[in-house]
């Protein structure tokens, strides 16, 4: 949360472009990262990020503080922007071409094994349904609280906890299957030599 956020938001609601610029500077990297994990490439993520902040600037006079950080409102706009983006393109939401390093940047520097593990986790996340992707990215990549994710996804905190539990269960199951499949592939290669 930005220091003095409530005051800055109040100034932005009043039409102060400098205050909105402060909000943009603080939240743009987080919104970009969220969008980058949801769309095919950097250019799309940049375009959508600009659209999110344009929509936020146009909509900020109607913004009402409801006890959640301002970022929850921005993530909600970003989620809607992704839905509109894919609806217009008639494609399913995919993390297919996401750069694994962007995902790994959120974690401490690691060796090749860690990067391969991150790629494997990302591949499994790509196969999860939209709500599971959103809850995992918002909770564990963007580090939002359950309350913030609930506000962003327009669900109760209990529903978010349940979604998170289910998403993690499915992720663990699929990672287990993925691990078994890669072990079988290795065994097949070893047996053919």
Protein backbone atom coordinates (compact mmCIF):
# COMPACT_ATOMS: atom_id res chain seq x y z
CA UNK A 1 0.00 0.00 0.00
CA UNK A 2 1.21 3.46 -0.88
CA UNK A 3 2.03 5.81 2.04
CA UNK A 4 -0.69 8.45 2.27
CA UNK A 5 -2.75 6.56 -0.30
CA UNK A 6 -6.14 7.81 0.90
CA UNK A 7 -5.07 11.44 0.55
CA UNK A 8 -3.51 10.83 -2.87
CA UNK A 9 -6.64 9.01 -4.08
CA UNK A 10 -8.82 11.86 -2.80
CA UNK A 11 -6.72 14.35 -4.77
CA UNK A 12 -6.93 12.14 -7.88
CA UNK A 13 -10.72 11.88 -7.48
CA UNK A 14 -10.72 15.68 -7.47
CA UNK A 15 -8.98 15.65 -10.85
CA UNK A 16 -5.36 16.20 -9.76
CA UNK A 17 -3.25 14.63 -12.55
CA UNK A 18 -0.09 14.72 -10.40
CA UNK A 19 -1.81 12.63 -7.69
CA UNK A 20 -3.02 10.15 -10.30
CA UNK A 21 0.53 10.06 -11.70
CA UNK A 22 1.77 9.06 -8.25
CA UNK A 23 -0.76 6.21 -8.19
CA UNK A 24 0.27 5.20 -11.71
CA UNK A 25 3.98 5.19 -10.83
CA UNK A 26 3.35 3.06 -7.75
CA UNK A 27 0.88 0.51 -9.17
CA UNK A 28 1.86 0.27 -12.85
CA UNK A 29 4.54 -2.43 -12.35
CA UNK A 30 2.12 -4.66 -10.39
CA UNK A 31 -0.71 -4.27 -12.90
CA UNK A 32 1.68 -4.85 -15.81
CA UNK A 33 3.05 -8.03 -14.19
CA UNK A 34 -0.49 -9.33 -13.57
CA UNK A 35 -1.48 -8.64 -17.18
CA UNK A 36 1.78 -10.04 -18.55
CA UNK A 37 1.02 -13.36 -16.86
CA UNK A 38 -2.45 -13.36 -18.45
CA UNK A 39 -1.71 -12.45 -22.10
CA UNK A 40 0.59 -13.63 -24.86
CA UNK A 41 3.31 -11.00 -24.83
CA UNK A 42 4.87 -7.79 -23.66
CA UNK A 43 3.21 -5.51 -26.21
CA UNK A 44 -0.26 -6.80 -25.35
CA UNK A 45 0.47 -6.45 -21.64
CA UNK A 46 1.73 -2.90 -22.16
CA UNK A 47 -1.34 -1.96 -24.22
CA UNK A 48 -3.70 -3.45 -21.66
CA UNK A 49 -1.84 -1.76 -18.80
CA UNK A 50 -2.26 1.61 -20.51
CA UNK A 51 -5.95 0.84 -21.06
CA UNK A 52 -6.40 -0.10 -17.39
CA UNK A 53 -4.94 3.20 -16.24
CA UNK A 54 -6.92 5.16 -18.83
CA UNK A 55 -10.10 3.48 -17.57
CA UNK A 56 -9.02 4.19 -14.00
CA UNK A 57 -8.41 7.87 -14.80
CA UNK A 58 -11.81 8.14 -16.49
CA UNK A 59 -13.55 6.23 -13.68
CA UNK A 60 -11.78 7.63 -10.64
CA UNK A 61 -14.41 10.35 -10.02
CA UNK A 62 -16.82 7.47 -9.27
CA UNK A 63 -14.33 5.54 -7.09
CA UNK A 64 -15.55 4.93 -3.55
CA UNK A 65 -13.17 3.73 -0.84
CA UNK A 66 -14.62 0.57 0.71
CA UNK A 67 -11.85 -0.36 3.12
CA UNK A 68 -9.67 -2.09 0.52
CA UNK A 69 -6.43 -0.81 -0.98
CA UNK A 70 -6.76 1.19 -4.20
CA UNK A 71 -4.89 -1.65 -5.96
CA UNK A 72 -7.93 -3.94 -5.52
CA UNK A 73 -9.94 -1.58 -7.72
CA UNK A 74 -7.12 -1.52 -10.31
CA UNK A 75 -6.87 -5.33 -10.35
CA UNK A 76 -10.62 -5.50 -10.87
CA UNK A 77 -10.31 -3.18 -13.88
CA UNK A 78 -7.37 -5.29 -15.14
CA UNK A 79 -9.34 -8.55 -14.84
CA UNK A 80 -12.22 -7.01 -16.77
CA UNK A 81 -9.79 -5.72 -19.39
CA UNK A 82 -8.37 -9.23 -19.89
CA UNK A 83 -11.87 -10.66 -20.29
CA UNK A 84 -12.76 -7.97 -22.83
CA UNK A 85 -9.46 -8.50 -24.64
CA UNK A 86 -10.01 -12.22 -25.10
CA UNK A 87 -13.69 -11.83 -25.80
CA UNK A 88 -12.78 -9.49 -28.66
CA UNK A 89 -10.19 -11.95 -29.96
CA UNK A 90 -12.35 -15.02 -29.28
CA UNK A 91 -9.43 -16.83 -27.71
CA UNK A 92 -9.19 -18.56 -24.39
CA UNK A 93 -7.06 -16.94 -21.74
CA UNK A 94 -3.60 -18.42 -21.95
CA UNK A 95 -0.23 -17.93 -20.36
CA UNK A 96 1.27 -19.91 -23.25
CA UNK A 97 3.93 -17.45 -24.37
CA UNK A 98 4.65 -15.98 -20.96
CA UNK A 99 8.33 -15.53 -20.26
CA UNK A 100 9.17 -17.87 -17.36
CA UNK A 101 11.83 -15.40 -16.18
CA UNK A 102 9.16 -12.76 -15.51
CA UNK A 103 7.42 -15.24 -13.23
CA UNK A 104 10.72 -16.31 -11.67
CA UNK A 105 11.71 -12.67 -11.00
CA UNK A 106 9.21 -12.66 -8.15
CA UNK A 107 11.33 -15.33 -6.46
CA UNK A 108 14.94 -15.19 -5.33
CA UNK A 109 17.67 -15.89 -7.85
CA UNK A 110 18.08 -19.63 -8.29
CA UNK A 111 19.84 -22.24 -10.35
CA UNK A 112 18.69 -23.96 -13.54
CA UNK A 113 16.66 -26.53 -11.60
CA UNK A 114 14.62 -23.79 -9.96
CA UNK A 115 13.97 -22.12 -13.33
CA UNK A 116 12.90 -25.44 -14.81
CA UNK A 117 10.59 -25.98 -11.85
CA UNK A 118 9.06 -22.51 -12.34
CA UNK A 119 8.50 -23.32 -16.04
CA UNK A 120 6.83 -26.58 -15.06
CA UNK A 121 4.55 -24.83 -12.54
CA UNK A 122 3.65 -22.19 -15.14
CA UNK A 123 2.78 -24.87 -17.68
CA UNK A 124 0.41 -26.46 -15.18
CA UNK A 125 -1.12 -23.10 -14.19
CA UNK A 126 -1.85 -22.45 -17.89
CA UNK A 127 -4.13 -25.50 -17.86
CA UNK A 128 -6.12 -24.39 -14.81
CA UNK A 129 -9.48 -22.70 -15.18
CA UNK A 130 -9.56 -18.90 -15.20
CA UNK A 131 -10.62 -18.43 -11.56
CA UNK A 132 -7.88 -20.73 -10.32
CA UNK A 133 -5.27 -18.86 -12.38
CA UNK A 134 -6.47 -15.53 -11.00
CA UNK A 135 -6.51 -16.57 -7.36
CA UNK A 136 -3.04 -18.16 -7.57
CA UNK A 137 -1.49 -15.19 -9.38
CA UNK A 138 -3.10 -12.60 -7.10
CA UNK A 139 -2.30 -14.47 -3.87
CA UNK A 140 1.18 -15.85 -4.57
CA UNK A 141 2.70 -13.71 -7.33
CA UNK A 142 1.13 -10.36 -6.49
CA UNK A 143 1.09 -11.20 -2.76
CA UNK A 144 -2.41 -9.83 -2.11
CA UNK A 145 -4.29 -10.75 1.06
CA UNK A 146 -7.42 -12.91 0.94
CA UNK A 147 -9.46 -9.76 1.63
CA UNK A 148 -7.84 -7.92 -1.30
CA UNK A 149 -8.34 -10.86 -3.67
CA UNK A 150 -11.97 -11.11 -2.57
CA UNK A 151 -12.47 -7.45 -3.41
CA UNK A 152 -10.68 -7.81 -6.73
CA UNK A 153 -12.62 -10.91 -7.79
CA UNK A 154 -15.90 -9.66 -6.32
CA UNK A 155 -16.30 -12.72 -4.09
CA UNK A 156 -16.48 -13.33 -0.37
CA UNK A 157 -13.33 -14.09 1.61
CA UNK A 158 -14.68 -17.58 2.26
CA UNK A 159 -15.15 -18.15 -1.47
CA UNK A 160 -11.57 -17.02 -2.12
CA UNK A 161 -10.21 -19.36 0.57
CA UNK A 162 -12.16 -22.23 -1.00
CA UNK A 163 -11.01 -21.29 -4.52
CA UNK A 164 -7.41 -21.07 -3.31
CA UNK A 165 -7.68 -24.45 -1.59
CA UNK A 166 -9.15 -26.07 -4.71
CA UNK A 167 -6.67 -24.36 -7.03
CA UNK A 168 -3.72 -25.53 -4.92
CA UNK A 169 -5.15 -29.06 -4.73
CA UNK A 170 -5.57 -29.23 -8.52
CA UNK A 171 -2.13 -27.67 -9.00
CA UNK A 172 -0.53 -30.28 -6.70
CA UNK A 173 -2.37 -33.10 -8.45
CA UNK A 174 -1.33 -31.89 -11.89
CA UNK A 175 2.24 -31.29 -10.76
CA UNK A 176 2.29 -34.86 -9.44
CA UNK A 177 0.98 -36.15 -12.78
CA UNK A 178 3.46 -33.96 -14.63
CA UNK A 179 6.29 -35.31 -12.47
CA UNK A 180 5.16 -38.89 -13.12
CA UNK A 181 4.93 -38.26 -16.87
CA UNK A 182 8.42 -36.76 -17.03
CA UNK A 183 9.75 -39.69 -14.96
CA UNK A 184 8.12 -42.15 -17.36
CA UNK A 185 9.62 -40.29 -20.33
CA UNK A 186 13.06 -40.50 -18.70
CA UNK A 187 12.55 -44.22 -18.01
CA UNK A 188 11.53 -44.78 -21.65
CA UNK A 189 14.65 -42.99 -22.86
CA UNK A 190 16.85 -44.98 -20.46
CA UNK A 191 15.25 -48.29 -21.55
CA UNK A 192 15.76 -47.52 -25.25
CA UNK A 193 19.48 -46.90 -24.90
